[in-house]
Structure formats: structure tokens, C-alpha cells
Amino acid sequence: MIELEYYRDYQGPELTLAQIWKHESEKEDITDLIRGFYGEKNNWNGILYTYEEIFPDREGEKFYIEFKRDGRKHWFHGYVGGKEQAFNPPLATPMDQSSI
């Protein structure tokens, strides 16, 4: 894990859904787990985590994470990378950046 000023100053949208699966028919809801990493300020607690920290022993599995702000849905998906590889999620930017 690496502390990042960029993440610390970020305030993202509300996390609404997180899933991981080996197969499309075997989706597991991990929203509460991811919410702990995302933090109360919706800023990943100011930390860039490794895949192993976020998704222990899940290398190669697919994930989907969804957020909502002001009625707009933001989402991203991918595959769990190597244990030491950084999990570097995209940060949702409001349409009106003047409110930051």
C-alpha cells in the first residue's frame, strides 16, 4: 500500500455495488468489503492498494465496481492482477468540477 496525496484529497461518488466472479453465473457481492477500502470519505482512504490487499487469493478473477453521484452511474471492471501489482481504480470526476 502507498499513501497518495491525490487520493487523500479526492472525494468520490457513493459506492453502490461491487462484485467478483470466476464465471458469469457465480457472482459474489463484495460491496461491504470494498466499502471498507473505499472509506468514509469515498477516497480509498488516501491509499493505493495492491490487488492482494483488496482481493486476496483471487488473481485472474473478474471484478465490477459501481458508484452513483447526482443520479449518474460511474463504473469500472477488470481482472484481478498479480499480488504485488497496484490496484489503481479510475477516479470519477464530477461533470461540474467547480464544486471540488
PDB file of N, CA and C in Angstrom:
ATOM      1  N   MET A   1       0.834  -1.170   0.000  1.00  0.00           N
ATOM      2  CA  MET A   1       0.000   0.000   0.000  1.00  0.00           C
ATOM      3  C   MET A   1       0.881   1.236   0.000  1.00  0.00           C
ATOM      4  N   ILE A   2       0.407   2.247  -0.718  1.00  0.00           N
ATOM      5  CA  ILE A   2       1.143   3.501  -0.847  1.00  0.00           C
ATOM      6  C   ILE A   2       0.178   4.642  -0.548  1.00  0.00           C
ATOM      7  N   GLU A   3       0.549   5.514   0.391  1.00  0.00           N
ATOM      8  CA  GLU A   3      -0.286   6.683   0.661  1.00  0.00           C
ATOM      9  C   GLU A   3      -0.091   7.699  -0.459  1.00  0.00           C
ATOM     10  N   LEU A   4      -1.209   8.235  -0.974  1.00  0.00           N
ATOM     11  CA  LEU A   4      -1.158   9.194  -2.068  1.00  0.00           C
ATOM     12  C   LEU A   4      -1.935  10.453  -1.716  1.00  0.00           C
ATOM     13  N   GLU A   5      -1.313  11.606  -1.869  1.00  0.00           N
ATOM     14  CA  GLU A   5      -1.992  12.871  -1.618  1.00  0.00           C
ATOM     15  C   GLU A   5      -3.173  13.039  -2.568  1.00  0.00           C
ATOM     16  N   TYR A   6      -2.994  12.593  -3.821  1.00  0.00           N
ATOM     17  CA  TYR A   6      -4.051  12.706  -4.826  1.00  0.00           C
ATOM     18  C   TYR A   6      -5.319  11.998  -4.369  1.00  0.00           C
ATOM     19  N   TYR A   7      -5.192  10.798  -3.794  1.00  0.00           N
ATOM     20  CA  TYR A   7      -6.353  10.066  -3.303  1.00  0.00           C
ATOM     21  C   TYR A   7      -6.893  10.705  -2.031  1.00  0.00           C
ATOM     22  N   ARG A   8      -6.002  11.191  -1.167  1.00  0.00           N
ATOM     23  CA  ARG A   8      -6.430  11.767   0.105  1.00  0.00           C
ATOM     24  C   ARG A   8      -7.330  12.981  -0.131  1.00  0.00           C
ATOM     25  N   ASP A   9      -7.026  13.791  -1.141  1.00  0.00           N
ATOM     26  CA  ASP A   9      -7.800  14.992  -1.434  1.00  0.00           C
ATOM     27  C   ASP A   9      -9.031  14.720  -2.311  1.00  0.00           C
ATOM     28  N   TYR A  10      -9.191  13.502  -2.762  1.00  0.00           N
ATOM     29  CA  TYR A  10     -10.300  13.116  -3.644  1.00  0.00           C
ATOM     30  C   TYR A  10     -11.541  12.802  -2.817  1.00  0.00           C
ATOM     31  N   GLN A  11     -12.710  13.167  -3.294  1.00  0.00           N
ATOM     32  CA  GLN A  11     -13.967  12.743  -2.678  1.00  0.00           C
ATOM     33  C   GLN A  11     -14.863  12.219  -3.786  1.00  0.00           C
ATOM     34  N   GLY A  12     -14.985  10.917  -3.851  1.00  0.00           N
ATOM     35  CA  GLY A  12     -15.700  10.272  -4.940  1.00  0.00           C
ATOM     36  C   GLY A  12     -17.177  10.082  -4.675  1.00  0.00           C
ATOM     37  N   PRO A  13     -17.863   9.502  -5.652  1.00  0.00           N
ATOM     38  CA  PRO A  13     -19.287   9.201  -5.503  1.00  0.00           C
ATOM     39  C   PRO A  13     -19.508   8.030  -4.547  1.00  0.00           C
ATOM     40  N   GLU A  14     -20.748   7.810  -4.196  1.00  0.00           N
ATOM     41  CA  GLU A  14     -21.100   6.725  -3.282  1.00  0.00           C
ATOM     42  C   GLU A  14     -20.919   5.365  -3.961  1.00  0.00           C
ATOM     43  N   LEU A  15     -20.246   4.465  -3.277  1.00  0.00           N
ATOM     44  CA  LEU A  15     -20.090   3.092  -3.761  1.00  0.00           C
ATOM     45  C   LEU A  15     -21.428   2.381  -3.594  1.00  0.00           C
ATOM     46  N   THR A  16     -21.953   1.802  -4.676  1.00  0.00           N
ATOM     47  CA  THR A  16     -23.271   1.156  -4.612  1.00  0.00           C
ATOM     48  C   THR A  16     -23.228  -0.347  -4.859  1.00  0.00           C
ATOM     49  N   LEU A  17     -22.200  -0.844  -5.544  1.00  0.00           N
ATOM     50  CA  LEU A  17     -22.135  -2.270  -5.852  1.00  0.00           C
ATOM     51  C   LEU A  17     -20.704  -2.681  -6.158  1.00  0.00           C
ATOM     52  N   ALA A  18     -20.310  -3.819  -5.645  1.00  0.00           N
ATOM     53  CA  ALA A  18     -19.025  -4.427  -6.002  1.00  0.00           C
ATOM     54  C   ALA A  18     -19.234  -5.939  -6.073  1.00  0.00           C
ATOM     55  N   GLN A  19     -18.750  -6.523  -7.160  1.00  0.00           N
ATOM     56  CA  GLN A  19     -18.886  -7.969  -7.368  1.00  0.00           C
ATOM     57  C   GLN A  19     -17.571  -8.537  -7.872  1.00  0.00           C
ATOM     58  N   ILE A  20     -17.381  -9.816  -7.602  1.00  0.00           N
ATOM     59  CA  ILE A  20     -16.255 -10.559  -8.159  1.00  0.00           C
ATOM     60  C   ILE A  20     -16.763 -11.929  -8.563  1.00  0.00           C
ATOM     61  N   TRP A  21     -16.189 -12.477  -9.626  1.00  0.00           N
ATOM     62  CA  TRP A  21     -16.646 -13.793 -10.067  1.00  0.00           C
ATOM     63  C   TRP A  21     -15.588 -14.503 -10.908  1.00  0.00           C
ATOM     64  N   LYS A  22     -15.635 -15.833 -10.803  1.00  0.00           N
ATOM     65  CA  LYS A  22     -14.819 -16.691 -11.652  1.00  0.00           C
ATOM     66  C   LYS A  22     -15.547 -16.938 -12.960  1.00  0.00           C
ATOM     67  N   HIS A  23     -16.857 -17.121 -12.863  1.00  0.00           N
ATOM     68  CA  HIS A  23     -17.726 -17.357 -14.017  1.00  0.00           C
ATOM     69  C   HIS A  23     -18.930 -16.441 -13.893  1.00  0.00           C
ATOM     70  N   GLU A  24     -19.522 -16.070 -15.004  1.00  0.00           N
ATOM     71  CA  GLU A  24     -20.677 -15.170 -15.023  1.00  0.00           C
ATOM     72  C   GLU A  24     -21.794 -15.650 -14.094  1.00  0.00           C
ATOM     73  N   SER A  25     -21.945 -16.955 -13.958  1.00  0.00           N
ATOM     74  CA  SER A  25     -23.026 -17.498 -13.138  1.00  0.00           C
ATOM     75  C   SER A  25     -22.681 -17.550 -11.649  1.00  0.00           C
ATOM     76  N   GLU A  26     -21.446 -17.192 -11.277  1.00  0.00           N
ATOM     77  CA  GLU A  26     -21.005 -17.283  -9.883  1.00  0.00           C
ATOM     78  C   GLU A  26     -20.580 -15.924  -9.343  1.00  0.00           C
ATOM     79  N   LYS A  27     -21.465 -14.943  -9.402  1.00  0.00           N
ATOM     80  CA  LYS A  27     -21.151 -13.601  -8.917  1.00  0.00           C
ATOM     81  C   LYS A  27     -21.246 -13.563  -7.393  1.00  0.00           C
ATOM     82  N   GLU A  28     -20.254 -12.934  -6.777  1.00  0.00           N
ATOM     83  CA  GLU A  28     -20.227 -12.786  -5.324  1.00  0.00           C
ATOM     84  C   GLU A  28     -20.265 -11.292  -5.001  1.00  0.00           C
ATOM     85  N   ASP A  29     -21.190 -10.894  -4.156  1.00  0.00           N
ATOM     86  CA  ASP A  29     -21.301  -9.500  -3.740  1.00  0.00           C
ATOM     87  C   ASP A  29     -20.220  -9.205  -2.695  1.00  0.00           C
ATOM     88  N   ILE A  30     -19.336  -8.263  -2.999  1.00  0.00           N
ATOM     89  CA  ILE A  30     -18.268  -7.873  -2.073  1.00  0.00           C
ATOM     90  C   ILE A  30     -18.353  -6.371  -1.761  1.00  0.00           C
ATOM     91  N   THR A  31     -19.555  -5.818  -1.862  1.00  0.00           N
ATOM     92  CA  THR A  31     -19.744  -4.384  -1.658  1.00  0.00           C
ATOM     93  C   THR A  31     -19.260  -3.943  -0.280  1.00  0.00           C
ATOM     94  N   ASP A  32     -19.623  -4.651   0.765  1.00  0.00           N
ATOM     95  CA  ASP A  32     -19.215  -4.247   2.117  1.00  0.00           C
ATOM     96  C   ASP A  32     -17.698  -4.321   2.283  1.00  0.00           C
ATOM     97  N   LEU A  33     -17.077  -5.339   1.709  1.00  0.00           N
ATOM     98  CA  LEU A  33     -15.617  -5.459   1.772  1.00  0.00           C
ATOM     99  C   LEU A  33     -14.946  -4.268   1.089  1.00  0.00           C
ATOM    100  N   ILE A  34     -15.379  -3.943  -0.120  1.00  0.00           N
ATOM    101  CA  ILE A  34     -14.784  -2.839  -0.875  1.00  0.00           C
ATOM    102  C   ILE A  34     -15.087  -1.505  -0.204  1.00  0.00           C
ATOM    103  N   ARG A  35     -16.257  -1.368   0.385  1.00  0.00           N
ATOM    104  CA  ARG A  35     -16.623  -0.138   1.082  1.00  0.00           C
ATOM    105  C   ARG A  35     -15.612   0.173   2.198  1.00  0.00           C
ATOM    106  N   GLY A  36     -15.094  -0.854   2.856  1.00  0.00           N
ATOM    107  CA  GLY A  36     -14.072  -0.650   3.889  1.00  0.00           C
ATOM    108  C   GLY A  36     -12.798  -0.037   3.321  1.00  0.00           C
ATOM    109  N   PHE A  37     -12.400  -0.464   2.138  1.00  0.00           N
ATOM    110  CA  PHE A  37     -11.218   0.101   1.480  1.00  0.00           C
ATOM    111  C   PHE A  37     -11.514   1.488   0.898  1.00  0.00           C
ATOM    112  N   TYR A  38     -12.720   1.686   0.404  1.00  0.00           N
ATOM    113  CA  TYR A  38     -13.119   2.956  -0.215  1.00  0.00           C
ATOM    114  C   TYR A  38     -13.192   4.064   0.838  1.00  0.00           C
ATOM    115  N   GLY A  39     -13.574   3.706   2.049  1.00  0.00           N
ATOM    116  CA  GLY A  39     -13.534   4.629   3.177  1.00  0.00           C
ATOM    117  C   GLY A  39     -14.744   5.527   3.325  1.00  0.00           C
ATOM    118  N   GLU A  40     -14.824   6.164   4.479  1.00  0.00           N
ATOM    119  CA  GLU A  40     -15.932   7.050   4.800  1.00  0.00           C
ATOM    120  C   GLU A  40     -15.939   8.301   3.931  1.00  0.00           C
ATOM    121  N   LYS A  41     -14.785   8.738   3.471  1.00  0.00           N
ATOM    122  CA  LYS A  41     -14.686   9.942   2.643  1.00  0.00           C
ATOM    123  C   LYS A  41     -14.713   9.622   1.149  1.00  0.00           C
ATOM    124  N   ASN A  42     -14.973   8.355   0.805  1.00  0.00           N
ATOM    125  CA  ASN A  42     -15.021   7.924  -0.599  1.00  0.00           C
ATOM    126  C   ASN A  42     -13.739   8.284  -1.341  1.00  0.00           C
ATOM    127  N   ASN A  43     -12.606   8.011  -0.722  1.00  0.00           N
ATOM    128  CA  ASN A  43     -11.319   8.384  -1.310  1.00  0.00           C
ATOM    129  C   ASN A  43     -10.267   7.271  -1.211  1.00  0.00           C
ATOM    130  N   TRP A  44     -10.721   6.036  -1.097  1.00  0.00           N
ATOM    131  CA  TRP A  44      -9.827   4.883  -0.950  1.00  0.00           C
ATOM    132  C   TRP A  44      -8.901   5.059   0.256  1.00  0.00           C
ATOM    133  N   ASN A  45      -9.385   5.803   1.267  1.00  0.00           N
ATOM    134  CA  ASN A  45      -8.627   6.076   2.491  1.00  0.00           C
ATOM    135  C   ASN A  45      -7.277   6.733   2.209  1.00  0.00           C
ATOM    136  N   GLY A  46      -7.156   7.375   1.037  1.00  0.00           N
ATOM    137  CA  GLY A  46      -5.906   8.041   0.672  1.00  0.00           C
ATOM    138  C   GLY A  46      -4.792   7.084   0.302  1.00  0.00           C
ATOM    139  N   ILE A  47      -5.153   5.839  -0.031  1.00  0.00           N
ATOM    140  CA  ILE A  47      -4.149   4.785  -0.240  1.00  0.00           C
ATOM    141  C   ILE A  47      -4.330   4.107  -1.598  1.00  0.00           C
ATOM    142  N   LEU A  48      -3.220   3.808  -2.242  1.00  0.00           N
ATOM    143  CA  LEU A  48      -3.199   2.968  -3.435  1.00  0.00           C
ATOM    144  C   LEU A  48      -2.835   1.563  -2.956  1.00  0.00           C
ATOM    145  N   TYR A  49      -3.764   0.641  -3.050  1.00  0.00           N
ATOM    146  CA  TYR A  49      -3.591  -0.723  -2.555  1.00  0.00           C
ATOM    147  C   TYR A  49      -3.051  -1.638  -3.644  1.00  0.00           C
ATOM    148  N   THR A  50      -2.561  -2.807  -3.240  1.00  0.00           N
ATOM    149  CA  THR A  50      -2.205  -3.851  -4.197  1.00  0.00           C
ATOM    150  C   THR A  50      -3.443  -4.736  -4.400  1.00  0.00           C
ATOM    151  N   TYR A  51      -3.444  -5.495  -5.496  1.00  0.00           N
ATOM    152  CA  TYR A  51      -4.545  -6.426  -5.721  1.00  0.00           C
ATOM    153  C   TYR A  51      -4.657  -7.421  -4.575  1.00  0.00           C
ATOM    154  N   GLU A  52      -3.540  -7.856  -4.024  1.00  0.00           N
ATOM    155  CA  GLU A  52      -3.574  -8.835  -2.937  1.00  0.00           C
ATOM    156  C   GLU A  52      -4.266  -8.257  -1.700  1.00  0.00           C
ATOM    157  N   GLU A  53      -4.088  -6.965  -1.449  1.00  0.00           N
ATOM    158  CA  GLU A  53      -4.730  -6.346  -0.289  1.00  0.00           C
ATOM    159  C   GLU A  53      -6.246  -6.248  -0.485  1.00  0.00           C
ATOM    160  N   ILE A  54      -6.670  -5.932  -1.687  1.00  0.00           N
ATOM    161  CA  ILE A  54      -8.095  -5.773  -1.968  1.00  0.00           C
ATOM    162  C   ILE A  54      -8.780  -7.117  -2.223  1.00  0.00           C
ATOM    163  N   PHE A  55      -8.139  -7.956  -3.036  1.00  0.00           N
ATOM    164  CA  PHE A  55      -8.725  -9.233  -3.470  1.00  0.00           C
ATOM    165  C   PHE A  55      -7.775 -10.390  -3.148  1.00  0.00           C
ATOM    166  N   PRO A  56      -7.587 -10.729  -1.873  1.00  0.00           N
ATOM    167  CA  PRO A  56      -6.633 -11.794  -1.543  1.00  0.00           C
ATOM    168  C   PRO A  56      -7.008 -13.132  -2.192  1.00  0.00           C
ATOM    169  N   ASP A  57      -6.012 -13.765  -2.778  1.00  0.00           N
ATOM    170  CA  ASP A  57      -6.166 -15.100  -3.388  1.00  0.00           C
ATOM    171  C   ASP A  57      -7.249 -15.153  -4.472  1.00  0.00           C
ATOM    172  N   ARG A  58      -7.446 -14.053  -5.216  1.00  0.00           N
ATOM    173  CA  ARG A  58      -8.468 -14.021  -6.271  1.00  0.00           C
ATOM    174  C   ARG A  58      -7.859 -13.687  -7.635  1.00  0.00           C
ATOM    175  N   GLU A  59      -6.551 -13.832  -7.794  1.00  0.00           N
ATOM    176  CA  GLU A  59      -5.865 -13.473  -9.035  1.00  0.00           C
ATOM    177  C   GLU A  59      -6.557 -14.093 -10.254  1.00  0.00           C
ATOM    178  N   GLY A  60      -6.774 -13.269 -11.273  1.00  0.00           N
ATOM    179  CA  GLY A  60      -7.383 -13.723 -12.515  1.00  0.00           C
ATOM    180  C   GLY A  60      -8.903 -13.662 -12.542  1.00  0.00           C
ATOM    181  N   GLU A  61      -9.538 -13.431 -11.392  1.00  0.00           N
ATOM    182  CA  GLU A  61     -10.993 -13.348 -11.361  1.00  0.00           C
ATOM    183  C   GLU A  61     -11.440 -11.954 -11.821  1.00  0.00           C
ATOM    184  N   LYS A  62     -12.651 -11.863 -12.316  1.00  0.00           N
ATOM    185  CA  LYS A  62     -13.185 -10.612 -12.836  1.00  0.00           C
ATOM    186  C   LYS A  62     -13.898  -9.851 -11.716  1.00  0.00           C
ATOM    187  N   PHE A  63     -13.779  -8.516 -11.743  1.00  0.00           N
ATOM    188  CA  PHE A  63     -14.492  -7.694 -10.780  1.00  0.00           C
ATOM    189  C   PHE A  63     -15.255  -6.586 -11.497  1.00  0.00           C
ATOM    190  N   TYR A  64     -16.286  -6.081 -10.816  1.00  0.00           N
ATOM    191  CA  TYR A  64     -17.106  -4.975 -11.311  1.00  0.00           C
ATOM    192  C   TYR A  64     -17.419  -4.098 -10.110  1.00  0.00           C
ATOM    193  N   ILE A  65     -17.194  -2.777 -10.242  1.00  0.00           N
ATOM    194  CA  ILE A  65     -17.462  -1.845  -9.143  1.00  0.00           C
ATOM    195  C   ILE A  65     -18.256  -0.665  -9.698  1.00  0.00           C
ATOM    196  N   GLU A  66     -19.313  -0.303  -8.958  1.00  0.00           N
ATOM    197  CA  GLU A  66     -20.236   0.731  -9.430  1.00  0.00           C
ATOM    198  C   GLU A  66     -20.433   1.793  -8.342  1.00  0.00           C
ATOM    199  N   PHE A  67     -20.586   3.036  -8.793  1.00  0.00           N
ATOM    200  CA  PHE A  67     -20.779   4.181  -7.914  1.00  0.00           C
ATOM    201  C   PHE A  67     -21.913   5.034  -8.468  1.00  0.00           C
ATOM    202  N   LYS A  68     -22.505   5.882  -7.617  1.00  0.00           N
ATOM    203  CA  LYS A  68     -23.524   6.832  -8.081  1.00  0.00           C
ATOM    204  C   LYS A  68     -23.318   8.178  -7.408  1.00  0.00           C
ATOM    205  N   ARG A  69     -23.533   9.230  -8.215  1.00  0.00           N
ATOM    206  CA  ARG A  69     -23.492  10.606  -7.710  1.00  0.00           C
ATOM    207  C   ARG A  69     -24.459  11.427  -8.552  1.00  0.00           C
ATOM    208  N   ASP A  70     -25.325  12.164  -7.885  1.00  0.00           N
ATOM    209  CA  ASP A  70     -26.256  13.061  -8.567  1.00  0.00           C
ATOM    210  C   ASP A  70     -27.011  12.355  -9.692  1.00  0.00           C
ATOM    211  N   GLY A  71     -27.442  11.112  -9.438  1.00  0.00           N
ATOM    212  CA  GLY A  71     -28.205  10.362 -10.424  1.00  0.00           C
ATOM    213  C   GLY A  71     -27.381   9.770 -11.557  1.00  0.00           C
ATOM    214  N   ARG A  72     -26.085   9.996 -11.561  1.00  0.00           N
ATOM    215  CA  ARG A  72     -25.208   9.487 -12.615  1.00  0.00           C
ATOM    216  C   ARG A  72     -24.445   8.262 -12.105  1.00  0.00           C
ATOM    217  N   LYS A  73     -24.439   7.207 -12.905  1.00  0.00           N
ATOM    218  CA  LYS A  73     -23.730   5.978 -12.544  1.00  0.00           C
ATOM    219  C   LYS A  73     -22.319   6.021 -13.128  1.00  0.00           C
ATOM    220  N   HIS A  74     -21.339   5.675 -12.291  1.00  0.00           N
ATOM    221  CA  HIS A  74     -19.941   5.523 -12.702  1.00  0.00           C
ATOM    222  C   HIS A  74     -19.571   4.077 -12.398  1.00  0.00           C
ATOM    223  N   TRP A  75     -18.823   3.433 -13.271  1.00  0.00           N
ATOM    224  CA  TRP A  75     -18.451   2.046 -13.028  1.00  0.00           C
ATOM    225  C   TRP A  75     -17.137   1.732 -13.732  1.00  0.00           C
ATOM    226  N   PHE A  76     -16.508   0.671 -13.272  1.00  0.00           N
ATOM    227  CA  PHE A  76     -15.341   0.127 -13.963  1.00  0.00           C
ATOM    228  C   PHE A  76     -15.276  -1.357 -13.652  1.00  0.00           C
ATOM    229  N   HIS A  77     -14.544  -2.070 -14.473  1.00  0.00           N
ATOM    230  CA  HIS A  77     -14.386  -3.504 -14.278  1.00  0.00           C
ATOM    231  C   HIS A  77     -12.998  -3.905 -14.737  1.00  0.00           C
ATOM    232  N   GLY A  78     -12.610  -5.106 -14.387  1.00  0.00           N
ATOM    233  CA  GLY A  78     -11.307  -5.610 -14.804  1.00  0.00           C
ATOM    234  C   GLY A  78     -11.061  -6.983 -14.226  1.00  0.00           C
ATOM    235  N   TYR A  79      -9.833  -7.412 -14.332  1.00  0.00           N
ATOM    236  CA  TYR A  79      -9.408  -8.695 -13.786  1.00  0.00           C
ATOM    237  C   TYR A  79      -8.387  -8.448 -12.694  1.00  0.00           C
ATOM    238  N   VAL A  80      -8.445  -9.244 -11.643  1.00  0.00           N
ATOM    239  CA  VAL A  80      -7.508  -9.120 -10.539  1.00  0.00           C
ATOM    240  C   VAL A  80      -6.114  -9.463 -11.050  1.00  0.00           C
ATOM    241  N   GLY A  81      -5.201  -8.532 -10.879  1.00  0.00           N
ATOM    242  CA  GLY A  81      -3.823  -8.714 -11.339  1.00  0.00           C
ATOM    243  C   GLY A  81      -2.974  -9.440 -10.309  1.00  0.00           C
ATOM    244  N   GLY A  82      -1.674  -9.417 -10.536  1.00  0.00           N
ATOM    245  CA  GLY A  82      -0.715 -10.074  -9.645  1.00  0.00           C
ATOM    246  C   GLY A  82      -0.729  -9.494  -8.244  1.00  0.00           C
ATOM    247  N   LYS A  83      -0.281 -10.286  -7.289  1.00  0.00           N
ATOM    248  CA  LYS A  83      -0.351  -9.918  -5.876  1.00  0.00           C
ATOM    249  C   LYS A  83       0.279  -8.570  -5.566  1.00  0.00           C
ATOM    250  N   GLU A  84       1.419  -8.272  -6.141  1.00  0.00           N
ATOM    251  CA  GLU A  84       2.124  -7.023  -5.846  1.00  0.00           C
ATOM    252  C   GLU A  84       1.748  -5.891  -6.799  1.00  0.00           C
ATOM    253  N   GLN A  85       0.925  -6.176  -7.793  1.00  0.00           N
ATOM    254  CA  GLN A  85       0.513  -5.166  -8.759  1.00  0.00           C
ATOM    255  C   GLN A  85      -0.456  -4.188  -8.109  1.00  0.00           C
ATOM    256  N   ALA A  86      -0.322  -2.903  -8.429  1.00  0.00           N
ATOM    257  CA  ALA A  86      -1.195  -1.879  -7.855  1.00  0.00           C
ATOM    258  C   ALA A  86      -2.600  -1.972  -8.425  1.00  0.00           C
ATOM    259  N   PHE A  87      -3.575  -1.929  -7.548  1.00  0.00           N
ATOM    260  CA  PHE A  87      -4.978  -1.802  -7.924  1.00  0.00           C
ATOM    261  C   PHE A  87      -5.216  -0.299  -8.007  1.00  0.00           C
ATOM    262  N   ASN A  88      -5.279   0.227  -9.233  1.00  0.00           N
ATOM    263  CA  ASN A  88      -5.330   1.666  -9.455  1.00  0.00           C
ATOM    264  C   ASN A  88      -6.664   2.034 -10.110  1.00  0.00           C
ATOM    265  N   PRO A  89      -7.733   2.140  -9.299  1.00  0.00           N
ATOM    266  CA  PRO A  89      -9.055   2.397  -9.873  1.00  0.00           C
ATOM    267  C   PRO A  89      -9.164   3.804 -10.449  1.00  0.00           C
ATOM    268  N   PRO A  90      -9.951   3.963 -11.504  1.00  0.00           N
ATOM    269  CA  PRO A  90     -10.173   5.312 -12.037  1.00  0.00           C
ATOM    270  C   PRO A  90     -10.981   6.125 -11.032  1.00  0.00           C
ATOM    271  N   LEU A  91     -10.713   7.401 -10.964  1.00  0.00           N
ATOM    272  CA  LEU A  91     -11.436   8.280 -10.054  1.00  0.00           C
ATOM    273  C   LEU A  91     -12.504   9.026 -10.840  1.00  0.00           C
ATOM    274  N   ALA A  92     -13.743   8.901 -10.408  1.00  0.00           N
ATOM    275  CA  ALA A  92     -14.862   9.561 -11.091  1.00  0.00           C
ATOM    276  C   ALA A  92     -14.756  11.063 -10.880  1.00  0.00           C
ATOM    277  N   THR A  93     -14.873  11.809 -11.946  1.00  0.00           N
ATOM    278  CA  THR A  93     -14.796  13.261 -11.899  1.00  0.00           C
ATOM    279  C   THR A  93     -16.180  13.845 -12.126  1.00  0.00           C
ATOM    280  N   PRO A  94     -16.616  14.741 -11.251  1.00  0.00           N
ATOM    281  CA  PRO A  94     -17.936  15.344 -11.458  1.00  0.00           C
ATOM    282  C   PRO A  94     -17.992  16.124 -12.765  1.00  0.00           C
ATOM    283  N   MET A  95     -19.171  16.193 -13.363  1.00  0.00           N
ATOM    284  CA  MET A  95     -19.337  16.954 -14.594  1.00  0.00           C
ATOM    285  C   MET A  95     -19.018  18.424 -14.359  1.00  0.00           C
ATOM    286  N   ASP A  96     -19.342  18.932 -13.173  1.00  0.00           N
ATOM    287  CA  ASP A  96     -19.055  20.306 -12.800  1.00  0.00           C
ATOM    288  C   ASP A  96     -17.917  20.280 -11.789  1.00  0.00           C
ATOM    289  N   GLN A  97     -16.701  20.416 -12.244  1.00  0.00           N
ATOM    290  CA  GLN A  97     -15.544  20.328 -11.360  1.00  0.00           C
ATOM    291  C   GLN A  97     -15.390  21.544 -10.462  1.00  0.00           C
ATOM    292  N   SER A  98     -16.156  22.585 -10.681  1.00  0.00           N
ATOM    293  CA  SER A  98     -16.038  23.774  -9.843  1.00  0.00           C
ATOM    294  C   SER A  98     -16.517  23.518  -8.416  1.00  0.00           C
ATOM    295  N   SER A  99     -17.248  22.422  -8.186  1.00  0.00           N
ATOM    296  CA  SER A  99     -17.746  22.114  -6.856  1.00  0.00           C
ATOM    297  C   SER A  99     -16.699  21.433  -5.983  1.00  0.00           C
ATOM    298  N   ILE A 100     -15.528  21.181  -6.531  1.00  0.00           N
ATOM    299  CA  ILE A 100     -14.478  20.500  -5.758  1.00  0.00           C
ATOM    300  C   ILE A 100     -13.674  21.516  -4.978  1.00  0.00           C
TER     301      ILE A 100
END
